[in-house]
C-alpha atoms as a PDB file:
ATOM      1  CA  MET A   1     -47.364 102.319  57.016  1.00  0.00           C
ATOM      2  CA  ALA A   2     -44.869 103.685  54.632  1.00  0.00           C
ATOM      3  CA  ASN A   3     -42.018 102.223  56.638  1.00  0.00           C
ATOM      4  CA  GLN A   4     -43.341  98.673  56.467  1.00  0.00           C
ATOM      5  CA  LYS A   5     -41.178  96.220  54.560  1.00  0.00           C
ATOM      6  CA  PRO A   6     -42.757  94.102  51.858  1.00  0.00           C
ATOM      7  CA  LYS A   7     -43.493  90.569  52.876  1.00  0.00           C
ATOM      8  CA  LYS A   8     -41.530  87.773  51.325  1.00  0.00           C
ATOM      9  CA  SER A   9     -43.615  85.364  49.297  1.00  0.00           C
ATOM     10  CA  GLY A  10     -41.617  82.313  50.442  1.00  0.00           C
ATOM     11  CA  LYS A  11     -41.087  81.111  46.882  1.00  0.00           C
ATOM     12  CA  LYS A  12     -37.668  80.928  45.349  1.00  0.00           C
ATOM     13  CA  ASP A  13     -37.022  82.540  42.067  1.00  0.00           C
ATOM     14  CA  ASN A  14     -36.454  79.706  39.540  1.00  0.00           C
ATOM     15  CA  SER A  15     -35.438  81.978  36.765  1.00  0.00           C
ATOM     16  CA  GLN A  16     -31.760  81.310  37.284  1.00  0.00           C
ATOM     17  CA  PRO A  17     -29.396  81.858  34.368  1.00  0.00           C
ATOM     18  CA  GLU A  18     -28.439  78.710  32.424  1.00  0.00           C
ATOM     19  CA  PRO A  19     -24.981  77.350  33.249  1.00  0.00           C
ATOM     20  CA  LYS A  20     -22.450  77.914  30.544  1.00  0.00           C
ATOM     21  CA  LYS A  21     -21.315  74.787  28.742  1.00  0.00           C
ATOM     22  CA  ASP A  22     -17.772  73.748  29.149  1.00  0.00           C
ATOM     23  CA  LEU A  23     -15.687  74.730  26.152  1.00  0.00           C
ATOM     24  CA  ASN A  24     -13.890  71.385  26.143  1.00  0.00           C
ATOM     25  CA  GLU A  25     -17.168  69.450  25.967  1.00  0.00           C
ATOM     26  CA  THR A  26     -18.293  71.510  23.027  1.00  0.00           C
ATOM     27  CA  VAL A  27     -15.062  70.861  21.186  1.00  0.00           C
ATOM     28  CA  LYS A  28     -15.253  67.128  21.919  1.00  0.00           C
ATOM     29  CA  ALA A  29     -18.835  66.933  20.688  1.00  0.00           C
ATOM     30  CA  LYS A  30     -17.855  68.698  17.489  1.00  0.00           C
ATOM     31  CA  GLU A  31     -14.880  66.363  16.971  1.00  0.00           C
ATOM     32  CA  THR A  32     -17.088  63.321  17.581  1.00  0.00           C
ATOM     33  CA  LYS A  33     -19.585  64.566  15.024  1.00  0.00           C
ATOM     34  CA  ASP A  34     -16.830  65.229  12.498  1.00  0.00           C
ATOM     35  CA  THR A  35     -15.342  61.768  13.127  1.00  0.00           C
ATOM     36  CA  LYS A  36     -18.691  60.080  12.589  1.00  0.00           C
ATOM     37  CA  GLU A  37     -19.232  62.000   9.383  1.00  0.00           C
ATOM     38  CA  ALA A  38     -15.736  61.035   8.181  1.00  0.00           C
ATOM     39  CA  LYS A  39     -16.325  57.361   8.990  1.00  0.00           C
ATOM     40  CA  GLU A  40     -19.667  57.435   7.215  1.00  0.00           C
ATOM     41  CA  SER A  41     -18.120  59.039   4.157  1.00  0.00           C
ATOM     42  CA  THR A  42     -15.269  56.470   4.220  1.00  0.00           C
ATOM     43  CA  THR A  43     -17.745  53.603   4.520  1.00  0.00           C
ATOM     44  CA  THR A  44     -19.796  55.011   1.673  1.00  0.00           C
ATOM     45  CA  ALA A  45     -16.695  55.405  -0.479  1.00  0.00           C
ATOM     46  CA  ALA A  46     -15.572  51.843   0.323  1.00  0.00           C
ATOM     47  CA  ALA A  47     -19.016  50.518  -0.524  1.00  0.00           C
ATOM     48  CA  THR A  48     -18.951  52.433  -3.786  1.00  0.00           C
ATOM     49  CA  VAL A  49     -15.515  51.058  -4.649  1.00  0.00           C
ATOM     50  CA  GLY A  50     -16.632  47.545  -3.710  1.00  0.00           C
ATOM     51  CA  ALA A  51     -19.698  47.897  -5.890  1.00  0.00           C
ATOM     52  CA  LYS A  52     -17.566  49.134  -8.785  1.00  0.00           C
ATOM     53  CA  GLU A  53     -15.162  46.220  -8.327  1.00  0.00           C
ATOM     54  CA  SER A  54     -18.080  43.796  -8.180  1.00  0.00           C
ATOM     55  CA  VAL A  55     -19.503  45.245 -11.387  1.00  0.00           C
ATOM     56  CA  ALA A  56     -16.048  45.070 -12.987  1.00  0.00           C
ATOM     57  CA  ALA A  57     -15.661  41.439 -11.880  1.00  0.00           C
ATOM     58  CA  SER A  58     -19.063  40.585 -13.307  1.00  0.00           C
ATOM     59  CA  THR A  59     -18.245  42.276 -16.604  1.00  0.00           C
ATOM     60  CA  ASN A  60     -14.735  40.809 -16.726  1.00  0.00           C
ATOM     61  CA  PRO A  61     -14.783  37.312 -15.206  1.00  0.00           C
ATOM     62  CA  PHE A  62     -11.251  36.614 -16.444  1.00  0.00           C
ATOM     63  CA  LYS A  63      -9.587  39.271 -14.324  1.00  0.00           C
ATOM     64  CA  GLY A  64      -6.672  37.596 -12.543  1.00  0.00           C
ATOM     65  CA  PHE A  65      -7.156  34.429 -14.588  1.00  0.00           C
ATOM     66  CA  PHE A  66      -3.424  33.748 -14.772  1.00  0.00           C
ATOM     67  CA  ALA A  67      -2.713  34.685 -11.160  1.00  0.00           C
ATOM     68  CA  ARG A  68      -0.470  32.389  -9.154  1.00  0.00           C
ATOM     69  CA  LYS A  69      -2.379  29.927  -6.978  1.00  0.00           C
ATOM     70  CA  TYR A  70       0.500  28.314  -5.098  1.00  0.00           C
ATOM     71  CA  GLY A  71       2.726  29.631  -2.307  1.00  0.00           C
ATOM     72  CA  GLU A  72       4.640  32.748  -3.254  1.00  0.00           C
ATOM     73  CA  ASN A  73       7.809  31.585  -1.516  1.00  0.00           C
ATOM     74  CA  GLU A  74       8.050  28.226  -3.275  1.00  0.00           C
ATOM     75  CA  ASN A  75      10.966  28.204  -5.690  1.00  0.00           C
ATOM     76  CA  ILE A  76      14.122  26.232  -6.328  1.00  0.00           C
ATOM     77  CA  LEU A  77      15.898  27.976  -3.434  1.00  0.00           C
ATOM     78  CA  THR A  78      13.219  27.452  -0.776  1.00  0.00           C
ATOM     79  CA  ILE A  79      11.418  24.224  -1.673  1.00  0.00           C
ATOM     80  CA  PHE A  80      14.005  21.983   0.026  1.00  0.00           C
ATOM     81  CA  LYS A  81      14.175  23.949   3.299  1.00  0.00           C
ATOM     82  CA  THR A  82      11.458  21.786   4.842  1.00  0.00           C
ATOM     83  CA  PRO A  83      10.983  17.999   4.622  1.00  0.00           C
ATOM     84  CA  ARG A  84       7.443  18.405   3.246  1.00  0.00           C
ATOM     85  CA  ILE A  85       8.565  18.157  -0.369  1.00  0.00           C
ATOM     86  CA  TRP A  86      10.269  14.816   0.322  1.00  0.00           C
ATOM     87  CA  GLY A  87       7.059  13.398   1.755  1.00  0.00           C
ATOM     88  CA  ALA A  88       5.152  14.592  -1.289  1.00  0.00           C
ATOM     89  CA  LEU A  89       7.706  13.053  -3.675  1.00  0.00           C
ATOM     90  CA  LEU A  90       7.611   9.737  -1.834  1.00  0.00           C
ATOM     91  CA  GLY A  91       3.822   9.829  -2.027  1.00  0.00           C
ATOM     92  CA  GLU A  92       3.907  10.409  -5.788  1.00  0.00           C
ATOM     93  CA  MET A  93       6.474   7.656  -6.261  1.00  0.00           C
ATOM     94  CA  LEU A  94       4.569   5.111  -4.159  1.00  0.00           C
ATOM     95  CA  GLY A  95       1.198   5.963  -5.683  1.00  0.00           C
ATOM     96  CA  THR A  96       2.497   5.742  -9.254  1.00  0.00           C
ATOM     97  CA  MET A  97       4.268   2.463  -8.436  1.00  0.00           C
ATOM     98  CA  LEU A  98       1.009   0.930  -7.173  1.00  0.00           C
ATOM     99  CA  LEU A  99      -0.881   2.285 -10.171  1.00  0.00           C
ATOM    100  CA  VAL A 100       1.559   0.768 -12.680  1.00  0.00           C
ATOM    101  CA  MET A 101       1.609  -2.555 -10.827  1.00  0.00           C
ATOM    102  CA  LEU A 102      -2.181  -2.560 -10.947  1.00  0.00           C
ATOM    103  CA  LEU A 103      -2.201  -1.922 -14.683  1.00  0.00           C
ATOM    104  CA  LEU A 104       0.534  -4.466 -15.461  1.00  0.00           C
ATOM    105  CA  THR A 105      -1.130  -7.254 -13.496  1.00  0.00           C
ATOM    106  CA  LEU A 106      -4.826  -6.467 -13.839  1.00  0.00           C
ATOM    107  CA  GLY A 107      -4.945  -4.873 -17.258  1.00  0.00           C
ATOM    108  CA  ILE A 108      -7.779  -2.686 -18.448  1.00  0.00           C
ATOM    109  CA  GLN A 109     -10.762  -4.128 -16.598  1.00  0.00           C
ATOM    110  CA  PRO A 110     -12.899  -1.117 -15.655  1.00  0.00           C
ATOM    111  CA  MET A 111     -14.619  -2.343 -12.488  1.00  0.00           C
ATOM    112  CA  TYR A 112     -11.554  -3.897 -10.852  1.00  0.00           C
ATOM    113  CA  LEU A 113      -9.407  -0.984 -11.959  1.00  0.00           C
ATOM    114  CA  TRP A 114     -11.879   1.506 -10.494  1.00  0.00           C
ATOM    115  CA  MET A 115     -11.938  -0.212  -7.103  1.00  0.00           C
ATOM    116  CA  GLY A 116      -8.148  -0.400  -6.900  1.00  0.00           C
ATOM    117  CA  LEU A 117      -7.603   3.200  -7.975  1.00  0.00           C
ATOM    118  CA  ILE A 118     -10.034   4.517  -5.366  1.00  0.00           C
ATOM    119  CA  CYS A 119      -7.835   3.109  -2.626  1.00  0.00           C
ATOM    120  CA  ILE A 120      -4.617   4.487  -4.163  1.00  0.00           C
ATOM    121  CA  TYR A 121      -5.940   8.014  -4.680  1.00  0.00           C
ATOM    122  CA  ALA A 122      -7.676   8.175  -1.296  1.00  0.00           C
ATOM    123  CA  VAL A 123      -4.513   7.360   0.677  1.00  0.00           C
ATOM    124  CA  ILE A 124      -2.116   9.500  -1.403  1.00  0.00           C
ATOM    125  CA  VAL A 125      -4.151  12.697  -1.879  1.00  0.00           C
ATOM    126  CA  GLY A 126      -3.409  13.981   1.631  1.00  0.00           C
ATOM    127  CA  ILE A 127       0.339  13.487   1.135  1.00  0.00           C
ATOM    128  CA  SER A 128       1.066  14.940  -2.291  1.00  0.00           C
ATOM    129  CA  GLY A 129      -2.246  15.803  -3.922  1.00  0.00           C
ATOM    130  CA  ALA A 130      -2.194  12.467  -5.790  1.00  0.00           C
ATOM    131  CA  ASN A 131      -1.280  13.638  -9.269  1.00  0.00           C
ATOM    132  CA  LEU A 132       0.175  10.221 -10.190  1.00  0.00           C
ATOM    133  CA  ASN A 133       0.143  11.256 -13.837  1.00  0.00           C
ATOM    134  CA  PRO A 134       2.380  13.674 -15.777  1.00  0.00           C
ATOM    135  CA  LEU A 135      -0.569  15.025 -17.756  1.00  0.00           C
ATOM    136  CA  VAL A 136      -2.229  16.118 -14.495  1.00  0.00           C
ATOM    137  CA  THR A 137       1.008  17.660 -13.227  1.00  0.00           C
ATOM    138  CA  ALA A 138       1.466  19.505 -16.521  1.00  0.00           C
ATOM    139  CA  GLY A 139      -2.056  20.921 -16.232  1.00  0.00           C
ATOM    140  CA  MET A 140      -1.385  22.006 -12.648  1.00  0.00           C
ATOM    141  CA  MET A 141       1.787  23.780 -13.732  1.00  0.00           C
ATOM    142  CA  ALA A 142       0.206  25.448 -16.771  1.00  0.00           C
ATOM    143  CA  THR A 143      -2.683  26.873 -14.714  1.00  0.00           C
ATOM    144  CA  ARG A 144      -0.251  28.019 -11.990  1.00  0.00           C
ATOM    145  CA  ARG A 145      -1.623  25.724  -9.334  1.00  0.00           C
ATOM    146  CA  MET A 146       1.861  24.303  -8.869  1.00  0.00           C
ATOM    147  CA  SER A 147       5.348  25.783  -9.129  1.00  0.00           C
ATOM    148  CA  ALA A 148       7.592  24.688 -11.983  1.00  0.00           C
ATOM    149  CA  ILE A 149      10.189  23.145  -9.669  1.00  0.00           C
ATOM    150  CA  ARG A 150       7.563  21.099  -7.807  1.00  0.00           C
ATOM    151  CA  GLY A 151       6.033  19.965 -11.093  1.00  0.00           C
ATOM    152  CA  VAL A 152       9.360  18.770 -12.482  1.00  0.00           C
ATOM    153  CA  LEU A 153      10.132  16.925  -9.249  1.00  0.00           C
ATOM    154  CA  TYR A 154       6.689  15.304  -9.297  1.00  0.00           C
ATOM    155  CA  MET A 155       7.230  14.061 -12.854  1.00  0.00           C
ATOM    156  CA  LEU A 156      10.596  12.580 -11.953  1.00  0.00           C
ATOM    157  CA  ALA A 157       9.068  10.878  -8.906  1.00  0.00           C
ATOM    158  CA  GLN A 158       6.264   9.479 -11.066  1.00  0.00           C
ATOM    159  CA  LEU A 159       8.750   8.119 -13.602  1.00  0.00           C
ATOM    160  CA  LEU A 160      10.815   6.529 -10.837  1.00  0.00           C
ATOM    161  CA  GLY A 161       7.719   5.015  -9.234  1.00  0.00           C
ATOM    162  CA  ALA A 162       6.567   3.551 -12.547  1.00  0.00           C
ATOM    163  CA  TRP A 163       9.997   2.019 -13.111  1.00  0.00           C
ATOM    164  CA  VAL A 164      10.044   0.466  -9.613  1.00  0.00           C
ATOM    165  CA  GLY A 165       6.566  -0.942 -10.228  1.00  0.00           C
ATOM    166  CA  LEU A 166       7.771  -2.559 -13.454  1.00  0.00           C
ATOM    167  CA  LEU A 167      10.805  -4.043 -11.663  1.00  0.00           C
ATOM    168  CA  LEU A 168       8.635  -5.551  -8.916  1.00  0.00           C
ATOM    169  CA  VAL A 169       6.185  -7.114 -11.348  1.00  0.00           C
ATOM    170  CA  ASN A 170       9.059  -8.524 -13.413  1.00  0.00           C
ATOM    171  CA  ALA A 171      10.709  -9.880 -10.257  1.00  0.00           C
ATOM    172  CA  PHE A 172       7.560 -11.752  -9.231  1.00  0.00           C
ATOM    173  CA  ARG A 173       7.020 -12.994 -12.778  1.00  0.00           C
ATOM    174  CA  LEU A 174      10.574 -14.254 -13.238  1.00  0.00           C
ATOM    175  CA  GLY A 175      10.833 -15.635  -9.689  1.00  0.00           C
ATOM    176  CA  SER A 176       7.737 -17.742 -10.156  1.00  0.00           C
ATOM    177  CA  GLY A 177       8.947 -19.059 -13.509  1.00  0.00           C
ATOM    178  CA  SER A 178       5.836 -17.755 -15.186  1.00  0.00           C
ATOM    179  CA  ALA A 179       5.985 -17.747 -18.957  1.00  0.00           C
ATOM    180  CA  SER A 180       3.315 -15.048 -19.274  1.00  0.00           C
ATOM    181  CA  GLU A 181       4.427 -11.952 -21.108  1.00  0.00           C
ATOM    182  CA  LEU A 182       3.795  -8.450 -19.893  1.00  0.00           C
ATOM    183  CA  PRO A 183       1.247  -6.506 -21.918  1.00  0.00           C
ATOM    184  CA  MET A 184       2.614  -4.264 -24.647  1.00  0.00           C
ATOM    185  CA  MET A 185       1.175  -1.277 -26.462  1.00  0.00           C
ATOM    186  CA  THR A 186       0.518  -1.543 -30.167  1.00  0.00           C
ATOM    187  CA  GLU A 187       3.333  -0.100 -32.199  1.00  0.00           C
ATOM    188  CA  VAL A 188       2.517   3.348 -33.575  1.00  0.00           C
ATOM    189  CA  THR A 189       3.132   3.717 -37.290  1.00  0.00           C
ATOM    190  CA  GLY A 190       2.420   6.417 -39.810  1.00  0.00           C
ATOM    191  CA  GLU A 191      -0.981   4.863 -40.547  1.00  0.00           C
ATOM    192  CA  THR A 192      -2.196   4.648 -36.942  1.00  0.00           C
ATOM    193  CA  PHE A 193      -0.469   7.688 -35.454  1.00  0.00           C
ATOM    194  CA  TRP A 194      -3.324  10.199 -35.682  1.00  0.00           C
ATOM    195  CA  ALA A 195      -5.924   7.732 -34.479  1.00  0.00           C
ATOM    196  CA  VAL A 196      -3.873   6.858 -31.387  1.00  0.00           C
ATOM    197  CA  ALA A 197      -2.859  10.483 -30.752  1.00  0.00           C
ATOM    198  CA  LEU A 198      -6.405  11.853 -30.954  1.00  0.00           C
ATOM    199  CA  VAL A 199      -7.829   9.135 -28.728  1.00  0.00           C
ATOM    200  CA  GLU A 200      -5.096   9.773 -26.149  1.00  0.00           C
ATOM    201  CA  LEU A 201      -5.759  13.517 -26.396  1.00  0.00           C
ATOM    202  CA  LEU A 202      -9.490  13.130 -25.787  1.00  0.00           C
ATOM    203  CA  GLY A 203      -8.970  10.799 -22.838  1.00  0.00           C
ATOM    204  CA  ALA A 204      -6.424  13.154 -21.296  1.00  0.00           C
ATOM    205  CA  VAL A 205      -8.823  16.110 -21.575  1.00  0.00           C
ATOM    206  CA  VAL A 206     -11.528  14.117 -19.752  1.00  0.00           C
ATOM    207  CA  ILE A 207      -9.175  13.098 -16.930  1.00  0.00           C
ATOM    208  CA  ALA A 208      -7.667  16.572 -16.479  1.00  0.00           C
ATOM    209  CA  PHE A 209     -11.038  18.347 -16.555  1.00  0.00           C
ATOM    210  CA  CYS A 210     -12.536  16.048 -13.916  1.00  0.00           C
ATOM    211  CA  PHE A 211      -9.372  16.245 -11.789  1.00  0.00           C
ATOM    212  CA  ALA A 212      -9.519  20.047 -11.819  1.00  0.00           C
ATOM    213  CA  ARG A 213     -13.179  19.991 -10.794  1.00  0.00           C
ATOM    214  CA  ALA A 214     -12.472  17.445  -8.038  1.00  0.00           C
ATOM    215  CA  LEU A 215      -9.709  19.533  -6.440  1.00  0.00           C
ATOM    216  CA  LYS A 216     -12.188  21.403  -4.242  1.00  0.00           C
ATOM    217  CA  TYR A 217     -12.983  18.111  -2.497  1.00  0.00           C
ATOM    218  CA  ALA A 218      -9.344  17.120  -1.954  1.00  0.00           C
ATOM    219  CA  LYS A 219      -9.137  18.669   1.540  1.00  0.00           C
ATOM    220  CA  LYS A 220     -12.774  18.203   2.527  1.00  0.00           C
ATOM    221  CA  SER A 221     -13.242  14.559   1.581  1.00  0.00           C
ATOM    222  CA  ALA A 222     -10.476  12.326   0.234  1.00  0.00           C
ATOM    223  CA  LEU A 223     -13.027   9.649  -0.625  1.00  0.00           C
ATOM    224  CA  THR A 224     -15.155  12.017  -2.721  1.00  0.00           C
ATOM    225  CA  PHE A 225     -12.058  13.255  -4.513  1.00  0.00           C
ATOM    226  CA  SER A 226     -10.847   9.724  -5.250  1.00  0.00           C
ATOM    227  CA  TRP A 227     -14.282   8.630  -6.480  1.00  0.00           C
ATOM    228  CA  ILE A 228     -14.458  11.497  -8.971  1.00  0.00           C
ATOM    229  CA  VAL A 229     -10.903  11.087 -10.251  1.00  0.00           C
ATOM    230  CA  THR A 230     -10.979   7.305 -10.595  1.00  0.00           C
ATOM    231  CA  SER A 231     -14.400   7.418 -12.238  1.00  0.00           C
ATOM    232  CA  ALA A 232     -12.976   9.918 -14.730  1.00  0.00           C
ATOM    233  CA  ILE A 233     -10.034   7.613 -15.474  1.00  0.00           C
ATOM    234  CA  VAL A 234     -12.316   4.635 -16.064  1.00  0.00           C
ATOM    235  CA  LEU A 235     -14.647   6.776 -18.190  1.00  0.00           C
ATOM    236  CA  ALA A 236     -11.732   7.987 -20.319  1.00  0.00           C
ATOM    237  CA  ILE A 237     -10.435   4.428 -20.784  1.00  0.00           C
ATOM    238  CA  ILE A 238     -13.901   3.252 -21.849  1.00  0.00           C
ATOM    239  CA  PHE A 239     -14.156   6.117 -24.334  1.00  0.00           C
ATOM    240  CA  ALA A 240     -10.691   5.359 -25.704  1.00  0.00           C
ATOM    241  CA  THR A 241     -11.360   1.641 -26.051  1.00  0.00           C
ATOM    242  CA  VAL A 242     -14.739   2.082 -27.738  1.00  0.00           C
ATOM    243  CA  LEU A 243     -13.446   4.729 -30.145  1.00  0.00           C
ATOM    244  CA  ALA A 244     -10.336   2.729 -31.012  1.00  0.00           C
ATOM    245  CA  GLN A 245     -12.171  -0.540 -31.592  1.00  0.00           C
ATOM    246  CA  GLY A 246     -15.335   0.881 -33.117  1.00  0.00           C
ATOM    247  CA  PHE A 247     -13.928   3.494 -35.479  1.00  0.00           C
ATOM    248  CA  PHE A 248     -10.291   2.599 -36.034  1.00  0.00           C
ATOM    249  CA  SER A 249     -10.359  -1.206 -35.605  1.00  0.00           C
ATOM    250  CA  MET A 250      -7.535  -1.042 -33.062  1.00  0.00           C
ATOM    251  CA  SER A 251      -7.477  -3.346 -30.043  1.00  0.00           C
ATOM    252  CA  SER A 252      -4.524  -1.764 -28.278  1.00  0.00           C
ATOM    253  CA  SER A 253      -4.739  -0.628 -24.675  1.00  0.00           C
ATOM    254  CA  PHE A 254      -4.792   3.073 -23.905  1.00  0.00           C
ATOM    255  CA  MET A 255      -3.070   4.026 -20.675  1.00  0.00           C
ATOM    256  CA  LEU A 256      -3.749   7.790 -20.759  1.00  0.00           C
ATOM    257  CA  ASN A 257      -0.708   8.064 -18.513  1.00  0.00           C
ATOM    258  CA  PRO A 258       2.706   8.739 -20.113  1.00  0.00           C
ATOM    259  CA  VAL A 259       4.822   7.004 -17.456  1.00  0.00           C
ATOM    260  CA  ALA A 260       2.523   3.977 -17.359  1.00  0.00           C
ATOM    261  CA  ALA A 261       2.662   3.799 -21.152  1.00  0.00           C
ATOM    262  CA  LEU A 262       6.461   3.900 -21.047  1.00  0.00           C
ATOM    263  CA  MET A 263       6.459   0.916 -18.699  1.00  0.00           C
ATOM    264  CA  TYR A 264       4.174  -0.860 -21.153  1.00  0.00           C
ATOM    265  CA  GLN A 265       7.096  -0.786 -23.566  1.00  0.00           C
ATOM    266  CA  ILE A 266       5.673   1.621 -26.108  1.00  0.00           C
ATOM    267  CA  LEU A 267       9.107   2.259 -27.597  1.00  0.00           C
ATOM    268  CA  PRO A 268      10.146  -0.019 -30.475  1.00  0.00           C
ATOM    269  CA  THR A 269      12.959  -2.454 -29.841  1.00  0.00           C
ATOM    270  CA  ALA A 270      13.793  -3.458 -33.402  1.00  0.00           C
ATOM    271  CA  ALA A 271      13.902  -1.853 -36.822  1.00  0.00           C
ATOM    272  CA  ASP A 272      15.717  -2.234 -40.116  1.00  0.00           C
ATOM    273  CA  ASN A 273      17.963   0.752 -39.455  1.00  0.00           C
ATOM    274  CA  PHE A 274      18.580   3.510 -36.942  1.00  0.00           C
ATOM    275  CA  GLY A 275      16.590   6.068 -38.919  1.00  0.00           C
ATOM    276  CA  GLU A 276      13.477   3.908 -38.885  1.00  0.00           C
ATOM    277  CA  LEU A 277      13.956   3.144 -35.189  1.00  0.00           C
ATOM    278  CA  ALA A 278      14.220   6.858 -34.373  1.00  0.00           C
ATOM    279  CA  GLN A 279      11.130   7.618 -36.446  1.00  0.00           C
ATOM    280  CA  LEU A 280       9.041   4.940 -34.725  1.00  0.00           C
ATOM    281  CA  ALA A 281      10.272   6.050 -31.303  1.00  0.00           C
ATOM    282  CA  GLY A 282       9.360   9.648 -32.115  1.00  0.00           C
ATOM    283  CA  LEU A 283       5.857   8.667 -33.188  1.00  0.00           C
ATOM    284  CA  ALA A 284       5.347   6.608 -30.020  1.00  0.00           C
ATOM    285  CA  VAL A 285       6.528   9.407 -27.733  1.00  0.00           C
ATOM    286  CA  ALA A 286       4.355  11.959 -29.538  1.00  0.00           C
ATOM    287  CA  ALA A 287       1.232   9.772 -29.384  1.00  0.00           C
ATOM    288  CA  TYR A 288       1.560   8.440 -25.827  1.00  0.00           C
ATOM    289  CA  VAL A 289       3.422  11.291 -24.099  1.00  0.00           C
ATOM    290  CA  ILE A 290       3.177  14.660 -25.854  1.00  0.00           C
ATOM    291  CA  PHE A 291      -0.479  14.511 -26.885  1.00  0.00           C
ATOM    292  CA  PRO A 292      -1.691  13.391 -23.413  1.00  0.00           C
ATOM    293  CA  VAL A 293       0.294  16.225 -21.813  1.00  0.00           C
ATOM    294  CA  ILE A 294      -1.339  18.714 -24.204  1.00  0.00           C
ATOM    295  CA  GLY A 295      -4.716  17.198 -23.364  1.00  0.00           C
ATOM    296  CA  GLY A 296      -4.013  17.610 -19.650  1.00  0.00           C
ATOM    297  CA  ILE A 297      -3.288  21.310 -20.101  1.00  0.00           C
ATOM    298  CA  VAL A 298      -6.415  21.780 -22.236  1.00  0.00           C
ATOM    299  CA  GLY A 299      -8.578  20.004 -19.654  1.00  0.00           C
ATOM    300  CA  PHE A 300      -7.394  22.202 -16.782  1.00  0.00           C
ATOM    301  CA  TYR A 301      -7.861  25.411 -18.765  1.00  0.00           C
ATOM    302  CA  LEU A 302     -11.284  24.258 -19.901  1.00  0.00           C
ATOM    303  CA  SER A 303     -12.298  23.756 -16.272  1.00  0.00           C
ATOM    304  CA  ASP A 304     -10.978  27.194 -15.277  1.00  0.00           C
ATOM    305  CA  VAL A 305     -12.741  28.968 -18.147  1.00  0.00           C
ATOM    306  CA  MET A 306     -16.072  27.301 -17.371  1.00  0.00           C
ATOM    307  CA  THR A 307     -15.692  28.083 -13.659  1.00  0.00           C
ATOM    308  CA  ARG A 308     -14.979  31.755 -14.372  1.00  0.00           C
ATOM    309  CA  LEU A 309     -17.932  32.097 -16.718  1.00  0.00           C
ATOM    310  CA  ALA A 310     -20.303  30.308 -14.313  1.00  0.00           C
ATOM    311  CA  GLY A 311     -19.331  32.582 -11.417  1.00  0.00           C
ATOM    312  CA  GLU A 312     -21.029  31.386  -8.248  1.00  0.00           C
ATOM    313  CA  GLY A 313     -22.542  28.538 -10.207  1.00  0.00           C
ATOM    314  CA  TYR A 314     -25.997  27.352 -11.158  1.00  0.00           C
ATOM    315  CA  PHE A 315     -27.133  26.472  -7.635  1.00  0.00           C
ATOM    316  CA  SER A 316     -26.341  29.959  -6.311  1.00  0.00           C
ATOM    317  CA  TYR A 317     -29.715  31.014  -7.775  1.00  0.00           C
ATOM    318  CA  ASP A 318     -31.684  28.447  -5.792  1.00  0.00           C
ATOM    319  CA  CYS A 319     -33.560  30.200  -3.003  1.00  0.00           C
ATOM    320  CA  ASP A 320     -36.032  28.641  -0.577  1.00  0.00           C
ATOM    321  CA  THR A 321     -38.622  30.229   1.708  1.00  0.00           C
ATOM    322  CA  ASP A 322     -36.417  30.096   4.803  1.00  0.00           C
ATOM    323  CA  CYS A 323     -33.696  32.177   3.200  1.00  0.00           C
ATOM    324  CA  GLY A 324     -35.727  35.366   2.900  1.00  0.00           C
ATOM    325  CA  CYS A 325     -33.633  36.788   0.091  1.00  0.00           C
ATOM    326  CA  ASN A 326     -34.371  37.828  -3.440  1.00  0.00           C
ATOM    327  CA  GLY A 327     -32.164  36.980  -6.415  1.00  0.00           C
ATOM    328  CA  VAL A 328     -28.874  35.310  -5.645  1.00  0.00           C
ATOM    329  CA  CYS A 329     -29.054  33.212  -2.491  1.00  0.00           C
ATOM    330  CA  LYS A 330     -26.489  34.265   0.120  1.00  0.00           C
ATOM    331  CA  LYS A 331     -26.941  31.375   2.548  1.00  0.00           C
END
């Protein structure tokens, strides 16, 4: 009995030692964990910085107010390397020519003028931006929406287009033997200078402000852009006419466009002596050219200041039930 061997139970012993983990897997797992923690910390830091920048932007809405808004590479050395500038200049020249012809033949009749200007602005905006007015170009340059070299070229193209428009109207008038005279602006004297200058200034501010606000529609909808701009021009002309006739007893036409006013023969042609002629010419240029240009700059800056202060705008706080957000709507 003592020599009998113990019987095997037939069950395997499951208490086997656990396999050792591979050292490489352990290192990889640790590196993965460290990488995730680093990414999380980086994301948190970026979010913190973004929040700080957002708070800074909300407390200082004028940060970057004077930043350049046109192409960085556009200057006098690069602007002529592509034919695009020539197309834009031709567009400004043609548009201004049509505008001056419209004014010289139609005169200041708001409804007809509005309908004609809509067509001109709608077809030119995609070519050059449809400034068609030195006061608008000056505002674009002052607010750094346009380079200085492009602005100067635009003004020269506008002046050339206005001159061609005057030549064409004169050619038709003389060829037909018509005895009708072209309209002329009232001569600016020392007594009427400030009245004319202030009316021109106010009208220029209205046009430039509305043009700056309409720029966001220029690429999206040429028709919407042209409706806003031409309505602003007609509104400014109505204001100028009512103010001039109602408060200053002046019946002169207000162009609110320096090159169009020049074609209306604002400069005096006769005087007793050269000194008086130079004085009258200086008053006319100041009233019909310098003050509208100042008004254009003021209008653009006024639009930019209001846009910065408004931030996302009034309608950014409108939130409906489908949005599911609280506070500022992010739809």
